[in-house]
Each structure stands twice: as C-alpha cells, then as structure tokens.
Amino acid sequence: MLQCKKRWIPKNQRFLFITLLFFWSCSLFFFLFTGGKLALILLFIVSLLTAYPMVLERWSGINNISGTRNLLPDRLESGNSITIKIDFEIPGVWPITYIFVKEYLYHRHANVSLFEASFVPDFYRKGSIEYTVPRLKRGIYRFGQTECSTGDIFNLFQHKSELDYSSTLRVYPRTVPIKQWIYVQSLLALSHRSSTSPHQRETIYIDGIREYVPGDRMSHIHWNASAKTGVLKSKEFERESHPKVIILLDRNPSSYTGEEQFELAVNVVASIVPFIQKQQMSLGILSSGKEYPFLEMKQGARFVPHIDNFLLHVQMEGTENLEDLIFDKRLPLTSGTVVVIITPNKTEDLLLNLKQLKEMKMYPCHLDIIHSSEKAKSEIWRKRLGTQQVPGYSICCLDDLPVMLRGDISWGL
C-alpha cells in the first residue's frame, strides 16, 4: 500500500495565491465603504474564487490519496517488458476533475525513467493507471516517489502529494532451455559405467545417513543420529561418479567489445546452470571481480540463492586475465572435472592452458562469444582446438546455444 506525503502550495503558485487574496481584500473594502448590491455580489463572487483553491487543498482528498501497485509478471528476464498497474483511492467528497501521476524508475546502470499518466476518478472516487516498461535490463530496478497532482476547474492552482513506498523489481538474465549437451552427457555416461567399482573415491560432501555396516570407519559414524534413534548410523558420502563442472566466466572489460557481448556471456551461464542442476552434477563458477569471485553448488542442489544473486549483479569489472584464473588456487581441479571457459578471447596462452588441462586428465571446452562478422575467424579457432581434442562452440546469439551444444564432438572425449 502506498502512503501519502503532504505538500503545501508550491512556491511558483504563491504569487497567484497572494494576488487572489489581494483582490478579495479590495472587494471586501469596496463593500464596507461603498455598500450596495453590486459590492455584495462582487464580494460573493471573489470570495468563491478565493475560497475554492483553499478548500480544494484541504478537502479534495489529494493529501490522503492511497494506491496499490500490481506488477505482472512475477519472474522477469532481460529483454522482457512489464505492465505496471496502480489502483488509486481518493477519500473525501469534494469533486475532482482529474488526477495526474508521475512515476520514477531507477536502475543501477541505466538512466532514470519517467512515466506520466492521468485518470478521472469514478463515482466512488477510485481510478487506475497502467503503463508498460519495455526491454528491461538485467539488474535491480527501484521505484522512486509517485507524484499525484490535481487542479481547480480554472487550472490556476495545482495541488500535489507524494506516495512513499519501498518497492524493487528484479530482472534476471535471459535463458534458453538446453535439452542436450552431447559432450557433458557423454562424460556422464562414462562415469555411470565406471560407478560399479566398489573402490570409488568418496568426496567430502555428505549425501545422507544409512545403517551402520561392520567395517565402517569410526569417523564416518553419525553420533547425533545414532543417539536419537538408538541404532548406529553412518554417514553416506558422495562418490566421484559424477564429473564436476567448473564454469570460468571472463569479466575483464578488455575482452569484450561492449556491454551487449558481456550480457550474452552472462545469459549463456544462466542457461547452462539449470542444465547442470538437472544432471545432478556439482557446479562451480569462478570469475575475476570483487563480488562473487567463486561460487560452488553441491550435487543435486535445486535452488542456490547466491548463484541467482551472482547472475543478477555480476558486472564487467574484472581485473585479472582469464589465463591467470584457470590455475587459481580456489579451483578444486581434480581428474575428470569439466572446465567450461566462456570468453571471446582466442589467444595462444588460452590454447596452451586448454592443452595443459587436457594433459591433467580434465575435460576443458571453450564457449566463444562472437559477433556475426567473426564466424570465419571463430571457425579457424575451432579447428585449432580440434587439433588438441578440445571442443569449441561459437555463440553468436543466445538462440544458437542449444543448437551448438547438440553438435557431435565425441572426438573430444
């Protein structure tokens, strides 16, 4: 519910108000010193003209106007449009000819947007306005104060009030559904075939609790669960049957030609994350920047708030080169890890690092963020990656992502 903030007569209307008082005083003195029907009628008319703006300010109900904002739809992605509807209710009985409304919308990396609309109150002194905000950008939008104003029938005076409220609008990256990723699903199938081995290495993540089996280590016993049930319970740890996926996002401004290219890279990450979640695989995201440098999601996690915040707030503000991040100490690089590198860079150092990852028995791949004019250059780069048995994908627009990931790159396994 929006609450009203009162505002008295603005400074630019005070001269007009004083002028009316002056004419009323003159008509009053004319009646007192002259008398007669003419002076009485003149005083009556001038009194009405003078009292009307004052009564309008007090009794029009504009000072106590209230409103409710409705935002549709609930989940927003970049590029979407949103329809905003505000329902108003004006208390009082004094007739009002119109209500003029101004709305301010602020964005962290965009200009302030101003939306203006008006409505005529109905018999129940209610009304509504509706407007559309087109092509939203990724990030958080904040609504400023809503200005409501009305005027007299002569449009000489304007009375305003402000609606104070706290409301935000979250716009997430645009995503496309990914049904197949041949490279990752092939690695997943290989891990399933090798998962029958009883000597699989266990991770440090607890997958659940089971009954104690003779031969279990004492360090694996879950003492709290054992005390509650009265039966020995052992911790069940995740096994290294599923390959872990590490996404390296380049956030260095020198790597991109503009904001749109970086937004495409963020959209690619946002589209890959749900696919990895559906495959019940562990996920890590590493990028250069002060905020969210490294994020990790355990196997099978359905909802990770900090990853959503990362996709909402991440900006092109990194200072480190991507080549320096590949062998960062924060990365839990182990044999069998899938390393997804997202960057427009196509350098010799990157090619050398991809080769080193391959020699360490990992599975790197490169998602090349390109413009439509760079397809020929990107094709040459993909062939160079093929000589090192590293799969590469050229992403010109987000709709190309599902098509590229369905490509046959079995030679990269």
Protein backbone atom coordinates (compact mmCIF):
# COMPACT_ATOMS: atom_id res chain seq x y z
CA MET A 1 0.00 0.00 0.00
CA LEU A 2 1.32 3.41 -0.97
CA GLN A 3 1.26 6.10 1.69
CA CYS A 4 0.87 9.81 1.03
CA LYS A 5 3.27 12.64 1.84
CA LYS A 6 1.64 16.09 2.05
CA ARG A 7 2.83 19.08 0.11
CA TRP A 8 1.62 22.66 0.63
CA ILE A 9 1.22 25.33 -2.05
CA PRO A 10 4.36 25.36 -4.23
CA LYS A 11 6.48 28.47 -4.42
CA ASN A 12 5.64 29.10 -8.08
CA GLN A 13 1.93 29.38 -7.16
CA ARG A 14 2.27 31.59 -4.10
CA PHE A 15 2.23 34.79 -6.17
CA LEU A 16 -1.10 33.76 -7.71
CA PHE A 17 -2.48 32.91 -4.28
CA ILE A 18 -1.40 36.28 -2.85
CA THR A 19 -2.97 38.01 -5.86
CA LEU A 20 -6.32 36.36 -5.14
CA LEU A 21 -6.12 37.42 -1.50
CA PHE A 22 -5.36 40.96 -2.64
CA PHE A 23 -8.43 41.11 -4.89
CA TRP A 24 -10.59 39.61 -2.11
CA SER A 25 -9.35 42.30 0.30
CA CYS A 26 -10.12 45.01 -2.28
CA SER A 27 -13.66 43.68 -2.81
CA LEU A 28 -14.16 43.48 0.96
CA PHE A 29 -13.11 47.11 1.46
CA PHE A 30 -15.26 48.13 -1.54
CA PHE A 31 -18.28 46.50 0.13
CA LEU A 32 -17.55 48.00 3.57
CA PHE A 33 -17.03 51.56 2.35
CA THR A 34 -19.49 51.63 -0.56
CA GLY A 35 -22.18 49.04 0.14
CA GLY A 36 -24.97 48.19 -2.23
CA LYS A 37 -25.98 45.12 -4.21
CA LEU A 38 -23.13 45.44 -6.72
CA ALA A 39 -20.48 45.42 -3.99
CA LEU A 40 -22.20 42.48 -2.26
CA ILE A 41 -22.35 40.38 -5.46
CA LEU A 42 -18.74 41.25 -6.26
CA LEU A 43 -17.62 40.23 -2.78
CA PHE A 44 -19.55 36.95 -3.04
CA ILE A 45 -18.02 36.03 -6.40
CA VAL A 46 -14.49 36.94 -5.38
CA SER A 47 -14.92 35.03 -2.09
CA LEU A 48 -15.92 31.90 -4.02
CA LEU A 49 -12.95 32.24 -6.36
CA THR A 50 -10.61 32.74 -3.42
CA ALA A 51 -12.03 30.01 -1.19
CA TYR A 52 -12.23 27.36 -3.89
CA PRO A 53 -8.44 26.71 -4.16
CA MET A 54 -8.10 26.74 -0.35
CA VAL A 55 -11.00 24.29 0.07
CA LEU A 56 -9.60 22.15 -2.74
CA GLU A 57 -6.30 21.85 -0.92
CA ARG A 58 -7.95 20.81 2.36
CA TRP A 59 -10.99 18.79 1.30
CA SER A 60 -10.17 17.39 -2.13
CA GLY A 61 -8.57 14.29 -0.59
CA ILE A 62 -5.36 14.61 -2.61
CA ASN A 63 -3.34 14.81 0.61
CA ASN A 64 -4.65 11.41 1.73
CA ILE A 65 -4.66 9.59 -1.59
CA SER A 66 -3.60 5.94 -1.40
CA GLY A 67 -2.66 3.39 -4.02
CA THR A 68 -1.69 -0.22 -4.66
CA ARG A 69 0.84 -1.29 -7.27
CA ASN A 70 0.44 -4.53 -9.23
CA LEU A 71 3.45 -5.93 -11.11
CA LEU A 72 2.98 -8.50 -13.86
CA PRO A 73 4.60 -10.98 -14.44
CA ASP A 74 6.43 -12.21 -11.32
CA ARG A 75 9.60 -13.64 -12.97
CA LEU A 76 11.36 -11.23 -15.31
CA GLU A 77 14.30 -11.74 -17.65
CA SER A 78 16.34 -9.19 -19.55
CA GLY A 79 14.65 -8.03 -22.72
CA ASN A 80 11.16 -8.63 -21.32
CA SER A 81 8.51 -5.95 -20.92
CA ILE A 82 6.40 -5.48 -17.82
CA THR A 83 2.97 -3.95 -17.37
CA ILE A 84 2.55 -1.93 -14.19
CA LYS A 85 -0.89 -1.06 -12.88
CA ILE A 86 -1.62 1.24 -9.93
CA ASP A 87 -5.07 1.47 -8.33
CA PHE A 88 -5.83 4.72 -6.52
CA GLU A 89 -8.46 5.70 -3.98
CA ILE A 90 -9.17 9.32 -3.01
CA PRO A 91 -11.03 9.97 0.25
CA GLY A 92 -13.43 12.90 0.69
CA VAL A 93 -16.46 14.27 -1.14
CA TRP A 94 -15.14 17.35 -2.92
CA PRO A 95 -15.37 16.88 -6.71
CA ILE A 96 -12.07 16.35 -8.54
CA THR A 97 -11.80 16.73 -12.30
CA TYR A 98 -8.60 14.72 -12.85
CA ILE A 99 -5.50 13.19 -11.19
CA PHE A 100 -2.11 13.49 -12.88
CA VAL A 101 0.50 10.86 -11.92
CA LYS A 102 4.30 10.76 -12.32
CA GLU A 103 6.38 7.62 -11.67
CA TYR A 104 10.19 7.42 -11.45
CA LEU A 105 12.08 4.17 -12.08
CA TYR A 106 15.78 3.93 -11.19
CA HIS A 107 18.33 1.37 -12.39
CA ARG A 108 21.91 0.96 -11.22
CA HIS A 109 23.42 1.08 -14.71
CA ALA A 110 20.72 2.90 -16.67
CA ASN A 111 19.16 6.33 -16.78
CA VAL A 112 16.17 7.35 -14.69
CA SER A 113 12.89 6.59 -16.46
CA LEU A 114 9.87 8.89 -16.06
CA PHE A 115 6.34 7.67 -16.73
CA GLU A 116 3.36 10.03 -16.80
CA ALA A 117 -0.34 9.21 -16.88
CA SER A 118 -3.67 10.64 -15.76
CA PHE A 119 -7.14 9.39 -14.88
CA VAL A 120 -10.58 10.74 -13.98
CA PRO A 121 -11.94 9.41 -10.66
CA ASP A 122 -15.21 7.50 -10.89
CA PHE A 123 -18.31 7.90 -8.71
CA TYR A 124 -16.59 6.02 -5.87
CA ARG A 125 -13.52 8.30 -6.14
CA LYS A 126 -11.36 5.46 -7.47
CA GLY A 127 -9.24 5.16 -10.55
CA SER A 128 -6.21 3.42 -12.00
CA ILE A 129 -3.37 3.94 -14.43
CA GLU A 130 -1.45 1.38 -16.46
CA TYR A 131 1.82 1.67 -18.34
CA THR A 132 4.42 -0.65 -19.86
CA VAL A 133 8.18 -0.63 -19.31
CA PRO A 134 9.81 -2.07 -22.46
CA ARG A 135 13.07 -4.02 -22.82
CA LEU A 136 14.19 -4.31 -19.23
CA LYS A 137 17.89 -4.60 -18.50
CA ARG A 138 19.39 -7.14 -16.13
CA GLY A 139 19.68 -5.92 -12.52
CA ILE A 140 17.52 -4.37 -9.84
CA TYR A 141 15.08 -1.56 -10.54
CA ARG A 142 13.89 0.72 -7.75
CA PHE A 143 10.72 2.79 -7.83
CA GLY A 144 11.02 6.37 -6.62
CA GLN A 145 8.27 8.51 -5.16
CA THR A 146 5.00 8.67 -7.06
CA GLU A 147 3.74 12.22 -7.55
CA CYS A 148 -0.02 12.81 -7.68
CA SER A 149 -1.46 16.21 -8.52
CA THR A 150 -4.81 17.82 -9.26
CA GLY A 151 -6.03 21.33 -10.03
CA ASP A 152 -9.06 23.59 -9.91
CA ILE A 153 -11.57 24.00 -12.72
CA PHE A 154 -9.72 27.06 -13.99
CA ASN A 155 -6.38 25.22 -13.85
CA LEU A 156 -4.88 28.10 -11.88
CA PHE A 157 -3.78 26.14 -8.82
CA GLN A 158 -2.15 22.72 -8.69
CA HIS A 159 -2.07 20.66 -5.51
CA LYS A 160 0.39 17.81 -5.18
CA SER A 161 1.18 14.92 -2.88
CA GLU A 162 3.74 12.13 -2.95
CA LEU A 163 3.29 8.43 -2.31
CA ASP A 164 6.15 6.96 -0.31
CA TYR A 165 6.85 3.26 -0.65
CA SER A 166 9.70 0.77 -0.95
CA SER A 167 9.49 -1.44 -4.00
CA THR A 168 12.08 -3.18 -6.18
CA LEU A 169 11.99 -5.10 -9.42
CA ARG A 170 14.48 -7.92 -10.09
CA VAL A 171 15.37 -8.67 -13.70
CA TYR A 172 17.40 -11.86 -14.25
CA PRO A 173 19.44 -12.84 -17.32
CA ARG A 174 17.64 -14.23 -20.31
CA THR A 175 17.79 -18.01 -20.59
CA VAL A 176 17.04 -20.67 -23.19
CA PRO A 177 16.22 -24.31 -22.35
CA ILE A 178 19.04 -26.76 -23.03
CA LYS A 179 17.80 -30.31 -23.57
CA GLN A 180 21.04 -31.88 -24.77
CA TRP A 181 24.72 -31.26 -24.31
CA ILE A 182 26.38 -34.17 -26.04
CA TYR A 183 29.83 -33.53 -24.59
CA VAL A 184 28.74 -33.40 -20.94
CA GLN A 185 26.17 -36.19 -21.26
CA SER A 186 28.79 -38.46 -22.85
CA LEU A 187 31.12 -37.84 -19.92
CA LEU A 188 28.24 -38.53 -17.56
CA ALA A 189 27.55 -41.85 -19.29
CA LEU A 190 31.21 -42.82 -18.95
CA SER A 191 31.13 -42.04 -15.23
CA HIS A 192 27.99 -44.19 -14.79
CA ARG A 193 29.69 -47.15 -16.43
CA SER A 194 32.63 -46.80 -14.05
CA SER A 195 30.45 -46.27 -10.99
CA THR A 196 30.06 -50.00 -10.38
CA SER A 197 33.54 -50.17 -8.90
CA PRO A 198 33.42 -50.70 -5.10
CA HIS A 199 36.70 -48.78 -4.75
CA GLN A 200 35.38 -45.43 -5.93
CA ARG A 201 36.81 -42.43 -4.13
CA GLU A 202 34.45 -40.58 -1.83
CA THR A 203 34.07 -36.81 -1.69
CA ILE A 204 33.81 -34.70 1.47
CA TYR A 205 30.10 -33.98 0.88
CA ILE A 206 27.53 -35.91 2.92
CA ASP A 207 24.86 -37.48 0.70
CA GLY A 208 22.74 -38.96 3.50
CA ILE A 209 22.64 -41.26 6.51
CA ARG A 210 22.42 -45.08 6.42
CA GLU A 211 22.53 -48.03 8.78
CA TYR A 212 25.93 -48.91 10.23
CA VAL A 213 27.72 -51.71 8.40
CA PRO A 214 30.53 -53.63 10.14
CA GLY A 215 33.80 -52.32 8.80
CA ASP A 216 32.72 -48.68 8.57
CA ARG A 217 35.25 -46.20 9.85
CA MET A 218 34.65 -44.66 13.26
CA SER A 219 34.98 -41.19 11.70
CA HIS A 220 32.00 -41.99 9.45
CA ILE A 221 29.60 -42.70 12.32
CA HIS A 222 26.90 -40.04 12.73
CA TRP A 223 26.76 -39.79 16.52
CA ASN A 224 23.83 -37.38 16.71
CA ALA A 225 21.61 -39.59 14.56
CA SER A 226 22.77 -42.66 16.50
CA ALA A 227 21.87 -41.04 19.83
CA LYS A 228 18.39 -40.08 18.61
CA THR A 229 17.49 -43.47 17.14
CA GLY A 230 19.42 -45.73 19.48
CA VAL A 231 20.94 -47.50 16.46
CA LEU A 232 24.35 -46.87 14.98
CA LYS A 233 24.15 -44.70 11.87
CA SER A 234 26.88 -43.98 9.35
CA LYS A 235 27.37 -41.01 7.06
CA GLU A 236 26.97 -41.65 3.34
CA PHE A 237 29.36 -39.55 1.27
CA GLU A 238 29.02 -38.63 -2.37
CA ARG A 239 31.22 -40.66 -4.66
CA GLU A 240 33.16 -39.34 -7.61
CA SER A 241 30.83 -40.98 -10.10
CA HIS A 242 29.57 -37.66 -11.49
CA PRO A 243 32.11 -35.30 -13.05
CA LYS A 244 32.20 -31.86 -11.53
CA VAL A 245 31.56 -28.85 -13.79
CA ILE A 246 33.56 -25.65 -13.32
CA ILE A 247 32.47 -22.54 -15.27
CA LEU A 248 35.08 -19.83 -15.82
CA LEU A 249 33.47 -16.52 -16.80
CA ASP A 250 35.70 -13.80 -18.20
CA ARG A 251 34.75 -10.44 -16.63
CA ASN A 252 37.68 -8.39 -17.92
CA PRO A 253 36.39 -5.33 -19.87
CA SER A 254 39.30 -5.60 -22.34
CA SER A 255 37.97 -8.96 -23.53
CA TYR A 256 34.65 -7.58 -24.74
CA THR A 257 33.70 -5.09 -27.41
CA GLY A 258 30.69 -3.79 -25.49
CA GLU A 259 28.03 -4.37 -22.89
CA GLU A 260 25.86 -6.49 -25.19
CA GLN A 261 28.60 -9.05 -25.71
CA PHE A 262 29.15 -9.41 -21.97
CA GLU A 263 25.39 -9.76 -21.39
CA LEU A 264 25.39 -12.61 -23.89
CA ALA A 265 28.11 -14.34 -21.86
CA VAL A 266 26.06 -13.93 -18.67
CA ASN A 267 22.97 -15.28 -20.45
CA VAL A 268 24.97 -18.33 -21.53
CA VAL A 269 25.98 -19.02 -17.91
CA ALA A 270 22.37 -18.59 -16.75
CA SER A 271 21.21 -21.10 -19.36
CA ILE A 272 23.87 -23.70 -18.51
CA VAL A 273 23.24 -23.70 -14.73
CA PRO A 274 19.71 -25.27 -14.91
CA PHE A 275 21.01 -27.98 -17.25
CA ILE A 276 23.80 -28.88 -14.81
CA GLN A 277 21.27 -28.99 -11.97
CA LYS A 278 19.04 -31.39 -13.90
CA GLN A 279 22.00 -33.69 -14.47
CA GLN A 280 22.58 -33.85 -10.68
CA MET A 281 26.16 -32.63 -11.11
CA SER A 282 28.23 -30.44 -8.82
CA LEU A 283 28.88 -26.95 -10.14
CA GLY A 284 31.40 -24.20 -9.50
CA ILE A 285 31.60 -20.70 -11.02
CA LEU A 286 34.86 -18.76 -10.98
CA SER A 287 35.27 -15.21 -12.29
CA SER A 288 37.52 -12.24 -11.71
CA GLY A 289 35.88 -9.48 -9.71
CA LYS A 290 35.36 -8.14 -6.22
CA GLU A 291 31.86 -9.60 -5.87
CA TYR A 292 31.22 -13.36 -6.10
CA PRO A 293 34.74 -14.45 -7.16
CA PHE A 294 33.97 -18.16 -6.61
CA LEU A 295 30.66 -19.95 -6.08
CA GLU A 296 30.04 -23.64 -5.58
CA MET A 297 26.89 -25.73 -5.71
CA LYS A 298 26.76 -29.27 -4.34
CA GLN A 299 25.50 -32.18 -6.37
CA GLY A 300 21.72 -32.21 -6.76
CA ALA A 301 21.10 -28.76 -5.27
CA ARG A 302 17.82 -27.39 -6.60
CA PHE A 303 17.99 -23.76 -5.58
CA VAL A 304 21.10 -21.78 -4.76
CA PRO A 305 20.36 -18.14 -3.79
CA HIS A 306 23.94 -16.93 -4.12
CA ILE A 307 24.14 -18.15 -7.73
CA ASP A 308 20.95 -16.23 -8.51
CA ASN A 309 22.46 -13.15 -6.89
CA PHE A 310 25.61 -13.63 -8.93
CA LEU A 311 23.64 -13.76 -12.18
CA LEU A 312 21.65 -10.71 -11.07
CA HIS A 313 24.55 -8.47 -10.05
CA VAL A 314 27.64 -9.64 -11.98
CA GLN A 315 29.27 -6.83 -13.95
CA MET A 316 32.14 -6.39 -16.38
CA GLU A 317 34.62 -5.23 -13.74
CA GLY A 318 37.29 -7.92 -13.53
CA THR A 319 40.97 -7.02 -13.43
CA GLU A 320 42.58 -10.46 -13.83
CA ASN A 321 43.13 -12.19 -17.14
CA LEU A 322 41.26 -15.40 -17.70
CA GLU A 323 44.53 -17.28 -18.24
CA ASP A 324 45.50 -16.42 -14.65
CA LEU A 325 42.23 -17.81 -13.31
CA ILE A 326 42.46 -21.24 -14.88
CA PHE A 327 45.01 -22.45 -12.36
CA ASP A 328 43.67 -20.38 -9.46
CA LYS A 329 44.12 -21.99 -6.03
CA ARG A 330 40.40 -21.60 -5.33
CA LEU A 331 39.56 -24.01 -8.14
CA PRO A 332 39.07 -27.60 -6.89
CA LEU A 333 40.56 -29.06 -10.07
CA THR A 334 40.61 -32.86 -9.95
CA SER A 335 40.84 -35.56 -12.56
CA GLY A 336 37.63 -35.80 -14.58
CA THR A 337 36.49 -32.20 -13.98
CA VAL A 338 34.66 -30.50 -16.86
CA VAL A 339 36.07 -26.97 -17.26
CA VAL A 340 33.78 -24.66 -19.28
CA ILE A 341 35.55 -21.46 -20.33
CA ILE A 342 33.33 -18.60 -21.51
CA THR A 343 35.25 -15.77 -23.16
CA PRO A 344 35.60 -14.02 -26.55
CA ASN A 345 39.40 -14.34 -26.28
CA LYS A 346 41.24 -16.57 -28.71
CA THR A 347 44.88 -16.29 -27.66
CA GLU A 348 47.88 -18.58 -27.70
CA ASP A 349 48.03 -18.53 -23.91
CA LEU A 350 44.44 -19.76 -23.73
CA LEU A 351 45.19 -22.56 -26.18
CA LEU A 352 48.22 -23.59 -24.12
CA ASN A 353 46.19 -23.61 -20.91
CA LEU A 354 43.47 -25.75 -22.50
CA LYS A 355 46.15 -28.19 -23.61
CA GLN A 356 47.54 -28.33 -20.05
CA LEU A 357 44.08 -29.06 -18.64
CA LYS A 358 43.72 -31.89 -21.13
CA GLU A 359 47.07 -33.32 -20.04
CA MET A 360 45.86 -33.20 -16.41
CA LYS A 361 43.05 -35.61 -17.41
CA MET A 362 40.38 -32.93 -17.28
CA TYR A 363 37.77 -32.13 -19.91
CA PRO A 364 38.01 -28.47 -20.99
CA CYS A 365 35.79 -26.80 -23.56
CA HIS A 366 35.55 -23.25 -24.87
CA LEU A 367 32.36 -21.26 -25.44
CA ASP A 368 33.43 -18.48 -27.78
CA ILE A 369 31.25 -15.34 -27.55
CA ILE A 370 31.43 -13.78 -31.00
CA HIS A 371 29.76 -11.27 -33.33
CA SER A 372 28.15 -12.38 -36.57
CA SER A 373 31.07 -10.90 -38.53
CA GLU A 374 33.59 -13.13 -36.71
CA LYS A 375 32.21 -16.54 -37.75
CA ALA A 376 35.06 -17.25 -40.18
CA LYS A 377 37.70 -16.37 -37.58
CA SER A 378 35.90 -18.47 -34.97
CA GLU A 379 35.80 -21.47 -37.32
CA ILE A 380 39.59 -21.33 -37.67
CA TRP A 381 39.88 -21.21 -33.88
CA ARG A 382 37.63 -24.25 -33.50
CA LYS A 383 39.83 -26.22 -35.87
CA ARG A 384 42.88 -25.32 -33.80
CA LEU A 385 41.09 -26.53 -30.70
CA GLY A 386 40.24 -29.73 -32.54
CA THR A 387 43.92 -30.49 -33.00
CA GLN A 388 44.19 -30.54 -29.19
CA GLN A 389 40.96 -32.58 -28.86
CA VAL A 390 39.23 -29.69 -27.08
CA PRO A 391 35.63 -28.96 -28.13
CA GLY A 392 34.76 -25.40 -29.04
CA TYR A 393 31.42 -23.66 -29.57
CA SER A 394 30.80 -20.38 -31.37
CA ILE A 395 27.92 -18.46 -29.75
CA CYS A 396 26.70 -15.50 -31.81
CA CYS A 397 23.30 -15.18 -30.15
CA LEU A 398 21.65 -16.97 -27.25
CA ASP A 399 19.30 -18.95 -29.51
CA ASP A 400 22.36 -20.62 -31.07
CA LEU A 401 23.42 -22.15 -27.74
CA PRO A 402 21.10 -25.24 -27.68
CA VAL A 403 21.91 -25.98 -31.34
CA MET A 404 25.67 -25.77 -30.81
CA LEU A 405 25.64 -27.93 -27.69
CA ARG A 406 23.80 -30.67 -29.58
CA GLY A 407 26.70 -30.91 -32.03
CA ASP A 408 28.67 -34.14 -32.25
CA ILE A 409 32.04 -33.59 -30.58
CA SER A 410 32.71 -37.17 -29.42
CA TRP A 411 36.28 -36.78 -30.63
CA GLY A 412 36.91 -34.50 -27.65
CA LEU A 413 36.41 -37.27 -25.07
